[in-house]
Protein backbone atom coordinates (compact mmCIF):
# COMPACT_ATOMS: atom_id res chain seq x y z
CA MET A 1 70.67 97.37 184.76
CA ILE A 2 70.96 97.92 181.00
CA LEU A 3 69.47 101.00 179.35
CA SER A 4 69.55 101.88 175.69
CA LEU A 5 69.19 104.87 173.51
CA GLN A 6 67.21 104.57 170.24
CA GLY A 7 66.11 106.73 167.33
CA CYS A 8 67.03 107.83 163.77
CA MET A 9 70.46 108.31 162.42
CA ALA A 10 71.71 111.77 163.34
CA VAL A 11 69.09 112.25 166.08
CA GLY A 12 71.70 112.97 168.63
CA LYS A 13 72.34 109.61 170.49
CA THR A 14 75.99 109.89 170.48
CA THR A 15 76.06 113.36 171.66
CA ALA A 16 73.83 112.43 174.55
CA VAL A 17 75.94 109.55 175.44
CA ARG A 18 79.00 111.87 175.55
CA TYR A 19 77.16 114.15 177.82
CA LEU A 20 76.45 111.27 180.21
CA GLN A 21 80.13 110.24 180.05
CA GLU A 22 81.04 113.73 181.32
CA ASN A 23 78.23 114.28 183.81
CA ALA A 24 77.09 110.87 185.07
CA PRO A 25 80.30 108.91 185.87
CA TYR A 26 78.25 106.23 187.70
CA VAL A 27 76.85 105.03 184.32
CA HIS A 28 79.02 102.78 182.09
CA ILE A 29 78.86 103.69 178.40
CA SER A 30 78.67 100.88 175.87
CA TYR A 31 79.53 102.35 172.54
CA GLU A 32 78.53 100.70 169.30
CA ILE A 33 81.96 99.88 167.86
CA ASN A 34 81.56 97.85 164.69
CA THR A 35 84.91 97.98 162.97
CA ASP A 36 85.65 94.22 163.55
CA VAL A 37 82.38 93.16 161.97
CA VAL A 38 82.47 95.70 159.14
CA ASN A 39 85.98 94.44 158.36
CA GLU A 40 84.98 90.67 158.28
CA ILE A 41 82.02 91.47 155.98
CA LYS A 42 84.35 93.31 153.58
CA GLN A 43 86.93 90.58 153.86
CA ARG A 44 84.51 87.88 153.01
CA GLN A 45 82.79 90.13 150.33
CA LEU A 46 79.33 89.58 151.78
CA ASP A 47 76.39 91.42 150.16
CA LYS A 48 73.61 92.24 152.49
CA ASN A 49 71.27 92.41 149.53
CA LYS A 50 71.72 88.60 148.84
CA TYR A 51 69.70 86.41 151.10
CA GLU A 52 72.49 83.78 152.08
CA ASP A 53 75.01 86.67 152.57
CA TYR A 54 72.58 88.57 154.65
CA LEU A 55 72.13 85.61 157.01
CA GLU A 56 75.84 85.41 157.40
CA ILE A 57 76.15 89.12 158.05
CA GLN A 58 73.32 89.17 160.70
CA LYS A 59 74.82 86.28 162.48
CA LEU A 60 77.93 88.33 162.94
CA TRP A 61 75.98 91.20 164.32
CA LEU A 62 73.71 89.16 166.51
CA ASN A 63 76.61 87.23 168.06
CA LYS A 64 78.49 90.45 168.59
CA GLU A 65 75.62 91.93 170.47
CA VAL A 66 75.41 89.08 172.96
CA ILE A 67 79.08 89.48 173.82
CA ARG A 68 78.53 93.31 174.23
CA TYR A 69 75.63 92.73 176.61
CA GLN A 70 77.65 90.23 178.76
CA LYS A 71 80.29 92.92 179.22
CA ALA A 72 77.76 95.62 179.92
CA LYS A 73 76.31 93.44 182.70
CA GLU A 74 79.48 93.61 184.67
CA PHE A 75 78.48 97.19 185.70
CA PRO A 76 75.70 98.30 188.01
CA CYS A 77 74.24 100.39 185.18
CA SER A 78 75.18 100.45 181.59
CA ILE A 79 73.73 102.47 178.75
CA MET A 80 73.90 101.31 175.15
CA ASP A 81 74.28 103.52 172.05
CA PHE A 82 71.90 101.11 170.32
CA GLY A 83 71.59 97.76 171.90
CA ALA A 84 70.26 94.29 171.26
CA GLU A 85 66.81 95.64 170.51
CA GLU A 86 68.30 97.43 167.48
CA VAL A 87 69.95 94.32 166.01
CA GLU A 88 66.69 92.32 166.41
CA PHE A 89 64.79 94.98 164.72
CA TYR A 90 67.13 95.54 161.86
CA THR A 91 67.52 91.77 161.19
CA LEU A 92 63.95 91.19 160.85
CA ASN A 93 63.02 94.39 159.03
CA TYR A 94 65.84 95.36 156.67
CA PRO A 95 64.80 92.94 153.92
CA LYS A 96 61.26 94.53 153.85
CA THR A 97 62.91 97.95 152.95
CA ILE A 98 64.44 96.44 149.85
CA GLY A 99 61.32 94.67 148.78
CA LYS A 100 62.47 91.20 149.86
CA ASP A 101 60.15 88.62 151.72
CA TRP A 102 62.96 86.69 153.03
CA GLU A 103 62.52 84.02 155.78
CA ILE A 104 64.53 85.21 158.78
CA GLU A 105 62.90 84.09 162.01
CA ASN A 106 63.55 80.35 161.53
CA ALA A 107 66.73 80.68 159.58
CA LEU A 108 68.37 82.74 162.37
CA ARG A 109 66.38 81.12 165.32
CA ASN A 110 69.25 80.34 167.67
CA GLU A 111 70.97 83.81 167.04
CA LEU A 112 67.65 85.67 167.55
CA GLU A 113 66.83 83.62 170.74
CA ALA A 114 70.31 84.43 172.15
CA VAL A 115 69.91 88.20 171.47
CA ARG A 116 66.36 88.41 172.85
CA ARG A 117 67.83 87.24 176.25
CA CYS A 118 69.96 90.37 175.97
CA MET A 119 67.28 93.23 175.92
CA PRO A 120 67.59 96.35 177.96
CA THR A 121 65.51 97.19 181.03
CA ARG A 122 64.27 100.36 179.40
CA ILE A 123 64.74 102.19 176.15
CA LEU A 124 64.70 105.92 175.49
CA PHE A 125 63.59 106.62 171.76
CA LEU A 126 65.01 109.96 170.69
CA ASP A 127 62.51 111.21 168.11
CA ALA A 128 62.62 114.09 165.70
CA SER A 129 60.98 115.44 162.58
CA ASN A 130 62.72 114.46 159.27
CA GLU A 131 63.73 118.22 158.85
CA VAL A 132 65.59 118.09 162.09
CA VAL A 133 67.51 114.92 161.50
CA ILE A 134 68.42 116.10 158.02
CA ARG A 135 69.75 119.36 159.51
CA HIS A 136 71.78 117.37 162.05
CA LYS A 137 73.19 115.19 159.39
CA GLU A 138 74.21 118.17 157.14
CA ASN A 139 75.89 119.76 160.12
CA ASP A 140 77.96 116.70 160.99
CA ASN A 141 81.02 116.24 158.76
CA THR A 142 82.55 113.62 160.83
CA ARG A 143 80.53 110.69 159.37
CA SER A 144 79.61 109.71 155.86
CA ARG A 145 76.18 108.23 156.71
CA ASN A 146 75.90 106.65 153.38
CA PHE A 147 72.86 104.69 154.56
CA PHE A 148 71.04 107.86 155.86
CA GLU A 149 68.56 108.37 153.02
CA HIS A 150 67.40 104.75 152.91
CA HIS A 151 67.16 104.69 156.73
CA LEU A 152 65.06 107.81 156.81
CA LYS A 153 62.69 106.76 154.02
CA TYR A 154 62.29 103.12 154.60
CA LEU A 155 63.56 102.10 158.06
CA LEU A 156 62.54 104.85 160.38
CA PRO A 157 58.71 104.53 159.84
CA LEU A 158 59.01 100.79 160.66
CA LYS A 159 61.28 101.54 163.57
CA ARG A 160 58.95 104.10 165.16
CA LYS A 161 56.02 101.61 164.94
CA TRP A 162 58.21 98.76 166.28
CA PHE A 163 59.58 100.67 169.46
CA LEU A 164 56.52 102.85 170.25
CA GLU A 165 54.45 99.75 170.69
CA LYS A 166 56.79 98.39 173.40
CA GLU A 167 55.93 98.72 177.04
CA ASN A 168 59.45 99.52 178.16
CA VAL A 169 60.10 102.44 175.76
CA ASP A 170 60.02 106.09 176.71
CA VAL A 171 60.08 108.80 174.03
CA LEU A 172 61.93 112.21 174.02
CA ASN A 173 61.22 114.55 171.12
CA VAL A 174 64.34 116.61 170.49
CA ASP A 175 63.00 119.00 167.83
CA ASN A 176 63.19 122.05 170.06
CA LEU A 177 66.13 121.11 172.20
CA ASN A 178 69.83 121.85 171.69
CA ALA A 179 72.60 119.37 172.28
CA GLU A 180 73.00 120.36 175.95
CA GLU A 181 69.37 120.22 176.74
CA VAL A 182 69.13 116.66 175.06
CA GLY A 183 72.01 115.55 177.29
CA GLU A 184 70.29 116.98 180.39
CA LYS A 185 66.98 115.33 179.56
CA VAL A 186 68.73 111.94 178.78
CA LYS A 187 70.54 112.22 182.18
CA GLU A 188 67.26 112.90 184.00
CA TRP A 189 65.70 109.78 182.28
CA VAL A 190 68.82 107.71 183.36
CA ASP A 191 68.52 108.89 186.96
CA PHE A 192 64.79 108.11 186.99
CA CYS A 193 65.45 104.62 185.70
CA ILE A 194 68.02 103.89 188.44
CA LYS A 195 65.82 105.18 191.14
CA ASN A 196 62.54 103.42 189.91
CA PHE A 197 63.63 100.13 188.12
CA SER A 198 67.04 99.11 189.33
CA LYS A 199 65.82 97.10 192.30
CA LYS A 200 63.28 95.20 190.13
CA TYR A 201 65.97 93.79 187.81
């Protein structure tokens, strides 16, 4: 069974995953490790704000996610720090946030079809007010998060709508929870999914 954590940048997904790693050893953690793709994009000098380059960039991300999913399937239960659903969402929606009406669906038909076969059983969307994620971001000096402002202003509203309309998405609001409490709630959700959904998939 594949599970996935979703939400805004700095909402606490990675912290929650680390909690699972320490307290739920029966769950395989699939981290979003992107160094190889980022390096190839830089090496090829691809610009995500140019249509042809954007298609090439997203092919890299989409293909990588299929490989990641196949590895995650080797375990009884894996949880993704972002999964295939994120790459699909971003691929189709990022151009809108920069005012572009690019044709994506047909241009990347094969890659999108492949990634849509890699969707998680269930998704937990960690939600929070803008004030909370901004505070989290300001308190985290380990990442640059250069894309944070654009994500918060343009992508997050689209993302909330996209995911909250899906039938396999649960929501956890973290506004009034500390890191430990978020971890505990995420573990409760994982255990619930294992108990109630694993036999169906």
